[in-house]
Amino acid sequence: MDTKEFNINCRRCPRLSSFLDDVRDEHPAYHGLPVAPFGDEKARLLIVGLAPGMHGANATGRPFTGDHAGIILYDTLYRYGFASAAESISANDGLILKNCRITNAVKCLPPANKPVGSEVNECNSYLAEELSTLEPGSVILALGGLSHKACVKALGGRQKDYPFGHMNEQCLGELTLLDSYHCSRYNTQTRRLTAQMFDAVFDRIKQLLGNI
């Protein structure tokens, strides 16, 4: 039976489930299952990515761990006091997130790193449940336009009222949705997103959270 809470054995999306079956056959040492959120359950900062990467979270079982995108993310989290270490190596490396949790809009690895709309929608109930646990005044950091749209949908907003844009900041109920370009290899190597730009995002997060 479908539930709103994360289910590591979820097989709601036939295309994703079949793809993960094939990936596990090819990479038996990989996690190869839906990837659970990671971090402080009472966090006031929730970071939302799009989906696990093939050799990153899909391999390690921890969001943004084992791929390029996690390098800048975890280093930034450490420097701003949200992580106990500057590098996330594996799911059992002892790293702890403080007042921060990381999740994905889609919990399963999609083919070619591109989930289709129906898969984003199917997984949205999990995201909505995660967002519902946030205390008033919490901040949601959406990494990329698709993650932003998933958050707006999960919070019951109309997409046209909440456009995506780097450093866009919008209130949805008692929560603040803050946007950033995704910290992917493509965005950082093309300098669409620089380290200084990402720091500015976290400077604003600290202001919003009152430097907690």
Protein backbone atom coordinates (compact mmCIF):
# COMPACT_ATOMS: atom_id res chain seq x y z
CA MET A 1 0.00 0.00 0.00
CA ASP A 2 1.29 3.46 -0.86
CA THR A 3 2.19 5.69 2.07
CA LYS A 4 3.28 9.29 2.39
CA GLU A 5 6.41 8.42 4.34
CA PHE A 6 9.60 7.37 2.58
CA ASN A 7 9.70 3.68 1.67
CA ILE A 8 13.03 2.18 0.64
CA ASN A 9 11.15 -0.62 -1.13
CA CYS A 10 8.95 1.76 -3.13
CA ARG A 11 8.16 0.57 -6.67
CA ARG A 12 5.51 3.11 -7.64
CA CYS A 13 7.26 4.06 -10.89
CA PRO A 14 7.67 1.08 -13.24
CA ARG A 15 10.38 2.69 -15.38
CA LEU A 16 12.51 3.64 -12.38
CA SER A 17 12.01 0.32 -10.60
CA SER A 18 13.00 -1.64 -13.70
CA PHE A 19 16.02 0.58 -14.26
CA LEU A 20 17.20 0.09 -10.67
CA ASP A 21 16.83 -3.68 -11.06
CA ASP A 22 19.16 -3.52 -14.06
CA VAL A 23 21.62 -1.25 -12.25
CA ARG A 24 21.83 -3.64 -9.29
CA ASP A 25 22.59 -6.49 -11.68
CA GLU A 26 25.41 -4.45 -13.22
CA HIS A 27 26.68 -2.95 -9.94
CA PRO A 28 25.80 -5.43 -7.15
CA ALA A 29 27.82 -3.47 -4.58
CA TYR A 30 25.79 -0.31 -5.13
CA HIS A 31 22.91 0.79 -2.89
CA GLY A 32 20.62 0.53 -5.93
CA LEU A 33 17.39 1.43 -4.12
CA PRO A 34 15.42 4.59 -3.35
CA VAL A 35 17.68 6.96 -1.38
CA ALA A 36 16.44 8.12 2.02
CA PRO A 37 16.75 11.71 3.27
CA PHE A 38 19.87 12.33 5.35
CA GLY A 39 20.45 14.59 8.32
CA ASP A 40 18.87 16.17 11.37
CA GLU A 41 15.21 15.16 11.70
CA LYS A 42 14.47 18.47 13.44
CA ALA A 43 16.42 20.58 10.97
CA ARG A 44 15.30 24.08 10.04
CA LEU A 45 17.14 23.86 6.72
CA LEU A 46 15.99 21.30 4.16
CA ILE A 47 18.03 21.05 0.97
CA VAL A 48 16.19 19.54 -1.99
CA GLY A 49 18.08 18.14 -4.98
CA LEU A 50 16.55 16.49 -8.02
CA ALA A 51 17.46 12.79 -7.93
CA PRO A 52 20.31 10.42 -6.99
CA GLY A 53 23.26 10.19 -9.37
CA MET A 54 24.38 6.86 -10.82
CA HIS A 55 27.78 6.73 -9.14
CA GLY A 56 26.86 9.09 -6.30
CA ALA A 57 23.85 8.61 -4.04
CA ASN A 58 22.68 5.56 -5.98
CA ALA A 59 26.01 3.92 -5.15
CA THR A 60 26.47 5.13 -1.58
CA GLY A 61 22.88 5.42 -0.34
CA ARG A 62 23.40 8.99 0.91
CA PRO A 63 22.25 12.11 -0.97
CA PHE A 64 25.05 14.02 -2.76
CA THR A 65 27.69 11.53 -1.63
CA GLY A 66 30.20 10.10 -4.10
CA ASP A 67 29.65 12.56 -6.93
CA HIS A 68 30.93 15.98 -7.99
CA ALA A 69 27.86 17.88 -6.80
CA GLY A 70 28.51 16.79 -3.24
CA ILE A 71 32.01 18.26 -3.17
CA ILE A 72 30.91 21.90 -3.12
CA LEU A 73 27.75 21.15 -1.13
CA TYR A 74 29.34 19.40 1.84
CA ASP A 75 32.32 21.74 1.91
CA THR A 76 29.91 24.69 2.09
CA LEU A 77 27.77 23.02 4.74
CA TYR A 78 30.89 22.43 6.85
CA ARG A 79 32.13 26.00 6.54
CA TYR A 80 28.71 27.36 7.53
CA GLY A 81 28.37 25.07 10.54
CA PHE A 82 25.80 22.64 9.18
CA ALA A 83 28.11 19.60 8.86
CA SER A 84 30.71 17.94 11.05
CA ALA A 85 33.10 17.38 8.16
CA ALA A 86 33.90 19.02 4.84
CA GLU A 87 33.67 15.83 2.80
CA SER A 88 31.03 13.11 2.52
CA ILE A 89 32.72 9.88 1.50
CA SER A 90 30.27 7.12 2.34
CA ALA A 91 27.06 6.49 4.24
CA ASN A 92 29.05 5.17 7.23
CA ASP A 93 31.80 7.78 7.41
CA GLY A 94 30.42 9.31 10.61
CA LEU A 95 29.51 12.68 9.09
CA ILE A 96 26.70 14.44 10.97
CA LEU A 97 24.48 17.24 9.71
CA LYS A 98 23.45 19.87 12.23
CA ASN A 99 20.14 21.72 11.79
CA CYS A 100 20.18 20.55 8.16
CA ARG A 101 18.66 17.70 6.19
CA ILE A 102 19.19 16.75 2.53
CA THR A 103 16.69 15.01 0.27
CA ASN A 104 15.73 14.68 -3.38
CA ALA A 105 12.54 15.45 -5.24
CA VAL A 106 12.81 12.00 -6.82
CA LYS A 107 14.21 9.30 -4.57
CA CYS A 108 15.27 6.83 -7.30
CA LEU A 109 18.03 7.04 -9.90
CA PRO A 110 16.44 7.94 -13.27
CA PRO A 111 17.83 6.87 -16.65
CA ALA A 112 20.17 9.51 -18.07
CA ASN A 113 19.68 11.45 -14.80
CA LYS A 114 16.32 12.72 -16.13
CA PRO A 115 13.09 11.78 -14.36
CA VAL A 116 9.90 12.31 -16.33
CA GLY A 117 7.06 14.46 -15.03
CA SER A 118 4.93 11.54 -13.88
CA GLU A 119 7.80 10.25 -11.75
CA VAL A 120 8.36 13.63 -10.13
CA ASN A 121 4.64 13.80 -9.40
CA GLU A 122 4.49 10.24 -8.05
CA CYS A 123 7.30 10.95 -5.61
CA ASN A 124 5.84 14.30 -4.56
CA SER A 125 3.88 12.85 -1.66
CA TYR A 126 7.14 11.84 -0.01
CA LEU A 127 8.48 15.37 -0.39
CA ALA A 128 5.22 16.87 0.88
CA GLU A 129 5.47 14.72 4.00
CA GLU A 130 9.05 15.87 4.58
CA LEU A 131 8.08 19.52 4.18
CA SER A 132 5.17 19.11 6.57
CA THR A 133 7.59 18.25 9.39
CA LEU A 134 9.43 21.58 9.14
CA GLU A 135 8.87 24.12 11.86
CA PRO A 136 7.53 27.58 10.98
CA GLY A 137 10.41 29.82 9.92
CA SER A 138 12.36 26.98 8.35
CA VAL A 139 14.16 27.37 5.02
CA ILE A 140 13.92 25.12 1.98
CA LEU A 141 16.87 25.37 -0.40
CA ALA A 142 15.84 24.17 -3.86
CA LEU A 143 18.78 23.20 -6.05
CA GLY A 144 17.64 23.74 -9.63
CA GLY A 145 14.39 24.52 -11.37
CA LEU A 146 12.86 21.04 -11.25
CA SER A 147 13.49 20.75 -7.52
CA HIS A 148 11.95 24.19 -7.07
CA LYS A 149 8.81 23.15 -8.96
CA ALA A 150 8.53 19.97 -6.91
CA CYS A 151 8.68 22.00 -3.69
CA VAL A 152 6.02 24.45 -4.90
CA LYS A 153 3.74 21.53 -5.83
CA ALA A 154 4.36 19.77 -2.52
CA LEU A 155 3.41 22.95 -0.65
CA GLY A 156 0.23 23.44 -2.68
CA GLY A 157 1.37 26.57 -4.52
CA ARG A 158 0.64 27.59 -8.10
CA GLN A 159 3.73 27.39 -10.28
CA LYS A 160 3.10 30.73 -12.01
CA ASP A 161 3.06 32.49 -8.65
CA TYR A 162 6.50 31.16 -7.64
CA PRO A 163 9.01 31.37 -10.52
CA PHE A 164 12.47 29.84 -10.19
CA GLY A 165 15.55 32.03 -10.24
CA HIS A 166 18.95 31.88 -8.59
CA MET A 167 18.67 33.63 -5.19
CA ASN A 168 14.90 33.98 -5.58
CA GLU A 169 13.32 33.99 -2.13
CA GLN A 170 9.60 33.37 -1.64
CA CYS A 171 7.33 32.60 1.28
CA LEU A 172 4.97 29.65 1.07
CA GLY A 173 2.92 29.63 4.22
CA GLU A 174 5.31 29.82 7.15
CA LEU A 175 8.29 28.48 5.19
CA THR A 176 10.84 30.27 3.01
CA LEU A 177 11.75 28.76 -0.34
CA LEU A 178 15.20 29.89 -1.50
CA ASP A 179 16.53 28.94 -4.94
CA SER A 180 20.01 28.18 -6.19
CA TYR A 181 21.39 26.82 -9.40
CA HIS A 182 22.22 23.17 -8.87
CA CYS A 183 25.81 22.50 -7.76
CA SER A 184 26.34 20.04 -10.61
CA ARG A 185 29.63 19.60 -12.44
CA TYR A 186 28.14 21.30 -15.51
CA ASN A 187 27.08 24.42 -13.60
CA THR A 188 30.29 24.78 -11.62
CA GLN A 189 32.63 24.12 -14.55
CA THR A 190 30.80 26.60 -16.78
CA ARG A 191 30.77 29.02 -13.84
CA ARG A 192 27.04 29.41 -14.04
CA LEU A 193 27.40 28.70 -10.32
CA THR A 194 30.61 29.81 -8.62
CA ALA A 195 31.75 29.10 -5.09
CA GLN A 196 31.17 32.76 -4.27
CA MET A 197 27.60 32.58 -5.58
CA PHE A 198 26.93 29.47 -3.51
CA ASP A 199 28.39 31.15 -0.43
CA ALA A 200 25.99 34.05 -0.98
CA VAL A 201 23.10 31.59 -0.86
CA PHE A 202 24.28 30.29 2.50
CA ASP A 203 24.95 33.78 3.81
CA ARG A 204 21.26 34.43 3.21
CA ILE A 205 20.25 31.13 4.80
CA LYS A 206 22.16 32.10 7.94
CA GLN A 207 20.37 35.45 8.00
CA LEU A 208 16.98 33.80 7.60
CA LEU A 209 17.66 31.28 10.35
CA GLY A 210 19.07 33.91 12.70
CA ASN A 211 22.57 32.37 12.67
CA ILE A 212 21.29 29.34 14.55
